[in-house]
Amino acid sequence: METIENRLAQLGITLPSLPQPMANYVPFTLTGNLLYISGQGPKIREGSWVCGQVGKDLTVEQGREAARLTGIQLLAVINGALGSLNSVKRIVKVNGFVNSAPGFGDQPAVINGCSDLFVEVFGDAGRHARTSIGVSNLPQGIAVEIEVIVEVLPG
């Protein structure tokens, strides 16, 4: 039986350690069969982030890669919360915020970096409802911030 961990290995993805909150909040909240993940950003390595405005400092493709890195951070939080990504029934909702230059309007293409990752990892269970929003700035100047709601398997 193929596990999510096997799929991650096939994709060459190693999950980072569980990120620590930047302020007074928790990284996740589990209530009933829904797991709410706090907004995560595109961490390159410990202490280093992809920063800048998409459409000014970063291209759409660089923003898309930042969203993929953010998706990997989200997977790390989900794994930390549940003990295994195999406990995910489906990704329900993704809210993506893109640090956007004035006039930039291709936020959906940027957030596709995370959405595509979830489908690669979870298959059809990774398809989700989504919002992609452009903002004038994000904490620490990061390029994207993404939060997610996950449905968890019973037990």
N, C-alpha and C. Protein backbone atom coordinates (compact mmCIF):
# COMPACT_ATOMS: atom_id res chain seq x y z
N MET A 1 0.84 -1.19 0.00
CA MET A 1 0.00 0.00 0.00
C MET A 1 0.88 1.25 0.00
N GLU A 2 0.58 2.14 -0.92
CA GLU A 2 1.37 3.37 -0.98
C GLU A 2 0.92 4.33 0.13
N THR A 3 1.90 4.87 0.84
CA THR A 3 1.61 5.84 1.89
C THR A 3 1.97 7.22 1.38
N ILE A 4 1.48 8.22 2.09
CA ILE A 4 1.82 9.61 1.76
C ILE A 4 3.33 9.80 1.93
N GLU A 5 3.92 9.18 2.93
CA GLU A 5 5.37 9.28 3.14
C GLU A 5 6.13 8.75 1.93
N ASN A 6 5.66 7.63 1.35
CA ASN A 6 6.29 7.09 0.14
C ASN A 6 6.17 8.09 -1.02
N ARG A 7 5.00 8.69 -1.14
CA ARG A 7 4.78 9.67 -2.21
C ARG A 7 5.71 10.87 -2.04
N LEU A 8 5.87 11.33 -0.80
CA LEU A 8 6.80 12.44 -0.54
C LEU A 8 8.22 12.06 -0.97
N ALA A 9 8.63 10.85 -0.64
CA ALA A 9 9.97 10.39 -1.01
C ALA A 9 10.12 10.36 -2.53
N GLN A 10 9.08 9.87 -3.24
CA GLN A 10 9.12 9.84 -4.70
C GLN A 10 9.24 11.25 -5.29
N LEU A 11 8.62 12.22 -4.61
CA LEU A 11 8.67 13.62 -5.07
C LEU A 11 9.94 14.33 -4.62
N GLY A 12 10.76 13.65 -3.80
CA GLY A 12 11.99 14.26 -3.31
C GLY A 12 11.76 15.32 -2.24
N ILE A 13 10.67 15.18 -1.49
CA ILE A 13 10.31 16.17 -0.48
C ILE A 13 10.63 15.63 0.91
N THR A 14 11.41 16.38 1.66
CA THR A 14 11.68 16.10 3.06
C THR A 14 10.98 17.17 3.88
N LEU A 15 10.14 16.76 4.81
CA LEU A 15 9.43 17.73 5.63
C LEU A 15 10.36 18.37 6.64
N PRO A 16 10.27 19.69 6.78
CA PRO A 16 11.06 20.37 7.82
C PRO A 16 10.46 20.11 9.20
N SER A 17 11.16 20.55 10.22
CA SER A 17 10.62 20.41 11.58
C SER A 17 9.41 21.34 11.71
N LEU A 18 8.59 21.05 12.70
CA LEU A 18 7.39 21.83 12.95
C LEU A 18 7.77 23.28 13.21
N PRO A 19 7.26 24.22 12.39
CA PRO A 19 7.61 25.63 12.59
C PRO A 19 7.01 26.18 13.89
N GLN A 20 7.71 27.11 14.48
CA GLN A 20 7.25 27.76 15.70
C GLN A 20 6.48 29.03 15.35
N PRO A 21 5.40 29.33 16.07
CA PRO A 21 4.64 30.55 15.81
C PRO A 21 5.49 31.80 16.01
N MET A 22 5.20 32.85 15.24
CA MET A 22 5.92 34.11 15.33
C MET A 22 5.32 35.04 16.38
N ALA A 23 4.15 34.71 16.91
CA ALA A 23 3.46 35.59 17.85
C ALA A 23 2.59 34.73 18.77
N ASN A 24 1.56 35.33 19.36
CA ASN A 24 0.71 34.67 20.35
C ASN A 24 -0.43 33.91 19.68
N TYR A 25 -0.10 32.75 19.11
CA TYR A 25 -1.09 31.86 18.51
C TYR A 25 -0.50 30.46 18.46
N VAL A 26 -1.34 29.49 18.14
CA VAL A 26 -0.87 28.11 18.01
C VAL A 26 -0.78 27.76 16.52
N PRO A 27 0.10 26.82 16.16
CA PRO A 27 0.27 26.49 14.74
C PRO A 27 -0.93 25.77 14.14
N PHE A 28 -1.76 25.13 14.98
CA PHE A 28 -2.93 24.42 14.47
C PHE A 28 -3.95 24.27 15.59
N THR A 29 -5.20 24.07 15.18
CA THR A 29 -6.28 23.74 16.10
C THR A 29 -7.09 22.61 15.48
N LEU A 30 -7.27 21.55 16.24
CA LEU A 30 -8.08 20.41 15.81
C LEU A 30 -9.39 20.46 16.56
N THR A 31 -10.49 20.52 15.82
CA THR A 31 -11.80 20.49 16.44
C THR A 31 -12.69 19.55 15.63
N GLY A 32 -13.21 18.53 16.30
CA GLY A 32 -13.97 17.51 15.58
C GLY A 32 -13.09 16.84 14.55
N ASN A 33 -13.55 16.79 13.31
CA ASN A 33 -12.76 16.17 12.25
C ASN A 33 -12.11 17.21 11.34
N LEU A 34 -12.02 18.46 11.81
CA LEU A 34 -11.38 19.51 11.03
C LEU A 34 -10.12 20.03 11.73
N LEU A 35 -9.07 20.14 10.94
CA LEU A 35 -7.80 20.67 11.41
C LEU A 35 -7.57 22.01 10.72
N TYR A 36 -7.43 23.07 11.51
CA TYR A 36 -7.18 24.41 11.00
C TYR A 36 -5.70 24.73 11.20
N ILE A 37 -5.02 25.04 10.10
CA ILE A 37 -3.59 25.34 10.17
C ILE A 37 -3.41 26.85 10.05
N SER A 38 -2.67 27.43 11.00
CA SER A 38 -2.36 28.86 10.95
C SER A 38 -1.54 29.17 9.71
N GLY A 39 -1.59 30.43 9.29
CA GLY A 39 -0.84 30.86 8.11
C GLY A 39 0.64 30.52 8.22
N GLN A 40 1.19 29.98 7.14
CA GLN A 40 2.60 29.63 7.05
C GLN A 40 3.22 30.39 5.88
N GLY A 41 4.53 30.51 5.91
CA GLY A 41 5.25 31.22 4.85
C GLY A 41 6.30 30.35 4.20
N PRO A 42 6.95 30.91 3.19
CA PRO A 42 7.92 30.16 2.38
C PRO A 42 9.32 30.13 3.00
N LYS A 43 9.52 29.17 3.87
CA LYS A 43 10.82 29.05 4.54
C LYS A 43 11.77 28.26 3.65
N ILE A 44 12.95 28.84 3.40
CA ILE A 44 13.98 28.18 2.60
C ILE A 44 14.78 27.24 3.50
N ARG A 45 15.21 27.74 4.61
CA ARG A 45 15.92 26.97 5.63
C ARG A 45 15.72 27.72 6.94
N GLU A 46 16.19 27.17 8.03
CA GLU A 46 15.96 27.79 9.33
C GLU A 46 16.37 29.26 9.32
N GLY A 47 15.39 30.12 9.57
CA GLY A 47 15.68 31.55 9.66
C GLY A 47 15.71 32.29 8.34
N SER A 48 15.48 31.63 7.23
CA SER A 48 15.56 32.28 5.93
C SER A 48 14.24 32.08 5.16
N TRP A 49 13.73 33.17 4.61
CA TRP A 49 12.44 33.17 3.95
C TRP A 49 12.56 33.72 2.53
N VAL A 50 11.61 33.36 1.67
CA VAL A 50 11.47 34.02 0.37
C VAL A 50 10.68 35.29 0.63
N CYS A 51 11.31 36.43 0.38
CA CYS A 51 10.69 37.72 0.66
C CYS A 51 10.54 38.54 -0.63
N GLY A 52 9.65 39.51 -0.58
CA GLY A 52 9.48 40.44 -1.68
C GLY A 52 8.08 40.43 -2.25
N GLN A 53 7.82 41.42 -3.08
CA GLN A 53 6.52 41.53 -3.73
C GLN A 53 6.57 40.85 -5.09
N VAL A 54 5.55 40.02 -5.33
CA VAL A 54 5.43 39.38 -6.64
C VAL A 54 4.95 40.45 -7.62
N GLY A 55 5.57 40.48 -8.77
CA GLY A 55 5.27 41.51 -9.76
C GLY A 55 6.22 42.69 -9.70
N LYS A 56 7.06 42.72 -8.67
CA LYS A 56 8.08 43.76 -8.53
C LYS A 56 9.44 43.11 -8.26
N ASP A 57 9.57 42.45 -7.11
CA ASP A 57 10.82 41.81 -6.72
C ASP A 57 10.92 40.36 -7.22
N LEU A 58 9.76 39.73 -7.40
CA LEU A 58 9.71 38.32 -7.79
C LEU A 58 8.81 38.14 -9.01
N THR A 59 9.16 37.18 -9.86
CA THR A 59 8.32 36.83 -11.00
C THR A 59 7.17 35.94 -10.52
N VAL A 60 6.21 35.72 -11.38
CA VAL A 60 5.11 34.80 -11.05
C VAL A 60 5.68 33.42 -10.73
N GLU A 61 6.64 32.96 -11.52
CA GLU A 61 7.22 31.63 -11.28
C GLU A 61 7.95 31.57 -9.93
N GLN A 62 8.66 32.62 -9.56
CA GLN A 62 9.31 32.65 -8.25
C GLN A 62 8.26 32.67 -7.13
N GLY A 63 7.17 33.38 -7.34
CA GLY A 63 6.07 33.39 -6.38
C GLY A 63 5.44 32.03 -6.25
N ARG A 64 5.28 31.36 -7.40
CA ARG A 64 4.71 30.01 -7.41
C ARG A 64 5.60 29.05 -6.62
N GLU A 65 6.90 29.16 -6.78
CA GLU A 65 7.83 28.32 -6.03
C GLU A 65 7.76 28.65 -4.54
N ALA A 66 7.58 29.93 -4.20
CA ALA A 66 7.41 30.31 -2.79
C ALA A 66 6.15 29.68 -2.22
N ALA A 67 5.08 29.63 -3.01
CA ALA A 67 3.84 29.00 -2.55
C ALA A 67 4.04 27.50 -2.37
N ARG A 68 4.83 26.87 -3.23
CA ARG A 68 5.13 25.43 -3.07
C ARG A 68 5.91 25.20 -1.77
N LEU A 69 6.91 26.04 -1.50
CA LEU A 69 7.66 25.93 -0.25
C LEU A 69 6.74 26.10 0.95
N THR A 70 5.78 27.03 0.83
CA THR A 70 4.82 27.24 1.90
C THR A 70 3.96 25.99 2.08
N GLY A 71 3.58 25.35 0.98
CA GLY A 71 2.83 24.10 1.05
C GLY A 71 3.60 23.02 1.80
N ILE A 72 4.90 22.98 1.62
CA ILE A 72 5.73 22.01 2.34
C ILE A 72 5.72 22.32 3.84
N GLN A 73 5.76 23.61 4.19
CA GLN A 73 5.65 24.01 5.60
C GLN A 73 4.30 23.56 6.16
N LEU A 74 3.24 23.76 5.37
CA LEU A 74 1.91 23.35 5.81
C LEU A 74 1.85 21.84 6.03
N LEU A 75 2.46 21.08 5.13
CA LEU A 75 2.50 19.62 5.31
C LEU A 75 3.22 19.25 6.61
N ALA A 76 4.27 19.98 6.95
CA ALA A 76 4.99 19.72 8.19
C ALA A 76 4.10 19.96 9.41
N VAL A 77 3.28 21.01 9.35
CA VAL A 77 2.38 21.29 10.47
C VAL A 77 1.29 20.22 10.55
N ILE A 78 0.72 19.85 9.40
CA ILE A 78 -0.30 18.80 9.38
C ILE A 78 0.27 17.51 9.96
N ASN A 79 1.47 17.15 9.53
CA ASN A 79 2.14 15.95 10.03
C ASN A 79 2.38 16.04 11.54
N GLY A 80 2.81 17.19 12.00
CA GLY A 80 3.04 17.39 13.42
C GLY A 80 1.76 17.32 14.24
N ALA A 81 0.68 17.83 13.66
CA ALA A 81 -0.60 17.82 14.36
C ALA A 81 -1.21 16.43 14.45
N LEU A 82 -1.07 15.66 13.37
CA LEU A 82 -1.77 14.37 13.28
C LEU A 82 -0.87 13.17 13.51
N GLY A 83 0.45 13.37 13.47
CA GLY A 83 1.38 12.26 13.62
C GLY A 83 1.68 11.55 12.32
N SER A 84 0.83 11.74 11.31
CA SER A 84 1.04 11.13 10.00
C SER A 84 0.14 11.83 8.98
N LEU A 85 0.68 12.06 7.80
CA LEU A 85 -0.12 12.63 6.72
C LEU A 85 -1.15 11.64 6.20
N ASN A 86 -1.00 10.36 6.54
CA ASN A 86 -1.98 9.35 6.14
C ASN A 86 -3.31 9.52 6.87
N SER A 87 -3.36 10.39 7.89
CA SER A 87 -4.60 10.68 8.61
C SER A 87 -5.44 11.75 7.92
N VAL A 88 -4.94 12.30 6.82
CA VAL A 88 -5.68 13.33 6.08
C VAL A 88 -6.74 12.65 5.21
N LYS A 89 -7.99 13.05 5.39
CA LYS A 89 -9.06 12.57 4.51
C LYS A 89 -9.09 13.40 3.23
N ARG A 90 -9.01 14.73 3.41
CA ARG A 90 -8.94 15.61 2.25
C ARG A 90 -8.54 17.02 2.68
N ILE A 91 -7.97 17.75 1.73
CA ILE A 91 -7.73 19.18 1.93
C ILE A 91 -9.04 19.87 1.58
N VAL A 92 -9.60 20.63 2.50
CA VAL A 92 -10.92 21.24 2.31
C VAL A 92 -10.80 22.63 1.69
N LYS A 93 -9.95 23.49 2.27
CA LYS A 93 -9.91 24.89 1.85
C LYS A 93 -8.50 25.43 2.01
N VAL A 94 -8.08 26.21 1.03
CA VAL A 94 -6.79 26.91 1.06
C VAL A 94 -7.07 28.40 0.91
N ASN A 95 -6.51 29.20 1.80
CA ASN A 95 -6.56 30.66 1.69
C ASN A 95 -5.14 31.15 1.46
N GLY A 96 -4.91 31.73 0.30
CA GLY A 96 -3.58 32.18 -0.06
C GLY A 96 -3.49 33.69 -0.17
N PHE A 97 -2.47 34.26 0.45
CA PHE A 97 -2.22 35.70 0.43
C PHE A 97 -0.89 35.93 -0.26
N VAL A 98 -0.89 36.78 -1.28
CA VAL A 98 0.30 37.05 -2.07
C VAL A 98 0.72 38.50 -1.83
N ASN A 99 1.96 38.69 -1.41
CA ASN A 99 2.54 40.02 -1.26
C ASN A 99 2.70 40.57 -2.69
N SER A 100 1.80 41.46 -3.09
CA SER A 100 1.67 41.84 -4.49
C SER A 100 2.06 43.29 -4.75
N ALA A 101 2.78 43.51 -5.84
CA ALA A 101 3.09 44.86 -6.30
C ALA A 101 1.79 45.51 -6.76
N PRO A 102 1.71 46.85 -6.70
CA PRO A 102 0.52 47.53 -7.21
C PRO A 102 0.25 47.11 -8.66
N GLY A 103 -1.01 46.78 -8.93
CA GLY A 103 -1.40 46.39 -10.27
C GLY A 103 -1.21 44.92 -10.60
N PHE A 104 -0.55 44.16 -9.71
CA PHE A 104 -0.35 42.74 -9.96
C PHE A 104 -1.67 42.01 -9.71
N GLY A 105 -2.09 41.15 -10.64
CA GLY A 105 -3.38 40.49 -10.51
C GLY A 105 -3.36 39.00 -10.79
N ASP A 106 -2.18 38.38 -10.76
CA ASP A 106 -2.09 36.96 -11.10
C ASP A 106 -1.88 36.09 -9.86
N GLN A 107 -2.55 36.46 -8.76
CA GLN A 107 -2.42 35.71 -7.51
C GLN A 107 -2.80 34.24 -7.66
N PRO A 108 -3.84 33.88 -8.44
CA PRO A 108 -4.16 32.46 -8.58
C PRO A 108 -3.00 31.63 -9.13
N ALA A 109 -2.25 32.17 -10.09
CA ALA A 109 -1.11 31.43 -10.65
C ALA A 109 -0.03 31.21 -9.59
N VAL A 110 0.12 32.16 -8.69
CA VAL A 110 1.11 32.03 -7.61
C VAL A 110 0.68 30.93 -6.64
N ILE A 111 -0.55 30.99 -6.17
CA ILE A 111 -1.03 30.04 -5.17
C ILE A 111 -1.15 28.63 -5.75
N ASN A 112 -1.18 28.51 -7.08
CA ASN A 112 -1.15 27.19 -7.71
C ASN A 112 0.05 26.37 -7.25
N GLY A 113 1.14 27.03 -6.85
CA GLY A 113 2.31 26.29 -6.36
C GLY A 113 1.96 25.41 -5.18
N CYS A 114 1.12 25.90 -4.29
CA CYS A 114 0.67 25.11 -3.14
C CYS A 114 -0.42 24.13 -3.55
N SER A 115 -1.39 24.60 -4.32
CA SER A 115 -2.49 23.73 -4.74
C SER A 115 -1.99 22.53 -5.53
N ASP A 116 -1.08 22.77 -6.46
CA ASP A 116 -0.52 21.67 -7.25
C ASP A 116 0.22 20.67 -6.37
N LEU A 117 0.95 21.16 -5.38
CA LEU A 117 1.66 20.28 -4.45
C LEU A 117 0.67 19.37 -3.72
N PHE A 118 -0.43 19.94 -3.22
CA PHE A 118 -1.40 19.14 -2.49
C PHE A 118 -1.99 18.03 -3.36
N VAL A 119 -2.23 18.32 -4.64
CA VAL A 119 -2.76 17.30 -5.55
C VAL A 119 -1.68 16.25 -5.82
N GLU A 120 -0.41 16.67 -5.97
CA GLU A 120 0.68 15.71 -6.17
C GLU A 120 0.79 14.76 -4.98
N VAL A 121 0.62 15.29 -3.78
CA VAL A 121 0.80 14.50 -2.56
C VAL A 121 -0.42 13.65 -2.24
N PHE A 122 -1.62 14.24 -2.31
CA PHE A 122 -2.84 13.56 -1.86
C PHE A 122 -3.74 13.08 -2.99
N GLY A 123 -3.39 13.32 -4.25
CA GLY A 123 -4.27 12.94 -5.36
C GLY A 123 -5.56 13.75 -5.31
N ASP A 124 -6.68 13.10 -5.63
CA ASP A 124 -7.96 13.81 -5.63
C ASP A 124 -8.32 14.37 -4.26
N ALA A 125 -7.85 13.77 -3.20
CA ALA A 125 -8.12 14.28 -1.85
C ALA A 125 -7.39 15.60 -1.59
N GLY A 126 -6.47 15.97 -2.47
CA GLY A 126 -5.77 17.25 -2.36
C GLY A 126 -6.48 18.39 -3.06
N ARG A 127 -7.51 18.08 -3.86
CA ARG A 127 -8.28 19.14 -4.54
C ARG A 127 -9.14 19.84 -3.50
N HIS A 128 -9.24 21.16 -3.60
CA HIS A 128 -9.83 21.95 -2.52
C HIS A 128 -10.49 23.21 -3.05
N ALA A 129 -11.33 23.78 -2.21
CA ALA A 129 -11.83 25.13 -2.44
C ALA A 129 -10.69 26.09 -2.11
N ARG A 130 -10.70 27.30 -2.73
CA ARG A 130 -9.53 28.16 -2.54
C ARG A 130 -9.88 29.63 -2.73
N THR A 131 -9.13 30.46 -2.02
CA THR A 131 -9.15 31.90 -2.21
C THR A 131 -7.71 32.35 -2.41
N SER A 132 -7.49 33.25 -3.39
CA SER A 132 -6.16 33.83 -3.65
C SER A 132 -6.32 35.34 -3.59
N ILE A 133 -5.63 35.96 -2.65
CA ILE A 133 -5.80 37.39 -2.41
C ILE A 133 -4.45 38.09 -2.51
N GLY A 134 -4.45 39.26 -3.15
CA GLY A 134 -3.26 40.11 -3.18
C GLY A 134 -3.29 41.08 -2.01
N VAL A 135 -2.15 41.21 -1.33
CA VAL A 135 -2.02 42.15 -0.21
C VAL A 135 -0.79 43.01 -0.43
N SER A 136 -0.75 44.16 0.25
CA SER A 136 0.36 45.09 0.04
C SER A 136 1.61 44.73 0.83
N ASN A 137 1.48 43.86 1.84
CA ASN A 137 2.64 43.43 2.62
C ASN A 137 2.22 42.24 3.47
N LEU A 138 3.21 41.46 3.89
CA LEU A 138 3.00 40.33 4.79
C LEU A 138 4.06 40.37 5.88
N PRO A 139 3.85 39.65 7.01
CA PRO A 139 4.84 39.65 8.09
C PRO A 139 6.25 39.32 7.58
N GLN A 140 7.22 40.04 8.09
CA GLN A 140 8.63 39.85 7.73
C GLN A 140 8.90 40.09 6.24
N GLY A 141 7.91 40.61 5.50
CA GLY A 141 8.09 40.85 4.07
C GLY A 141 8.02 39.59 3.23
N ILE A 142 7.51 38.48 3.79
CA ILE A 142 7.46 37.22 3.04
C ILE A 142 6.59 37.37 1.79
N ALA A 143 6.87 36.54 0.80
CA ALA A 143 6.21 36.64 -0.51
C ALA A 143 4.78 36.11 -0.48
N VAL A 144 4.52 35.06 0.28
CA VAL A 144 3.18 34.47 0.38
C VAL A 144 2.94 33.98 1.79
N GLU A 145 1.67 33.94 2.17
CA GLU A 145 1.24 33.30 3.41
C GLU A 145 0.00 32.49 3.06
N ILE A 146 -0.03 31.26 3.53
CA ILE A 146 -1.14 30.37 3.19
C ILE A 146 -1.62 29.67 4.45
N GLU A 147 -2.95 29.61 4.60
CA GLU A 147 -3.57 28.83 5.68
C GLU A 147 -4.44 27.77 5.03
N VAL A 148 -4.72 26.70 5.78
CA VAL A 148 -5.46 25.57 5.20
C VAL A 148 -6.37 24.94 6.23
N ILE A 149 -7.48 24.39 5.74
CA ILE A 149 -8.40 23.59 6.55
C ILE A 149 -8.36 22.16 5.99
N VAL A 150 -8.19 21.20 6.88
CA VAL A 150 -8.02 19.80 6.50
C VAL A 150 -9.10 18.96 7.18
N GLU A 151 -9.72 18.04 6.43
CA GLU A 151 -10.60 17.06 7.04
C GLU A 151 -9.77 15.85 7.42
N VAL A 152 -9.96 15.37 8.64
CA VAL A 152 -9.15 14.30 9.21
C VAL A 152 -9.97 13.00 9.22
N LEU A 153 -9.30 11.89 8.93
CA LEU A 153 -9.96 10.59 9.01
C LEU A 153 -10.37 10.30 10.45
N PRO A 154 -11.49 9.59 10.66
CA PRO A 154 -11.89 9.27 12.03
C PRO A 154 -10.86 8.38 12.71
N GLY A 155 -10.78 8.53 14.05
CA GLY A 155 -9.89 7.66 14.82
C GLY A 155 -8.59 8.28 14.95
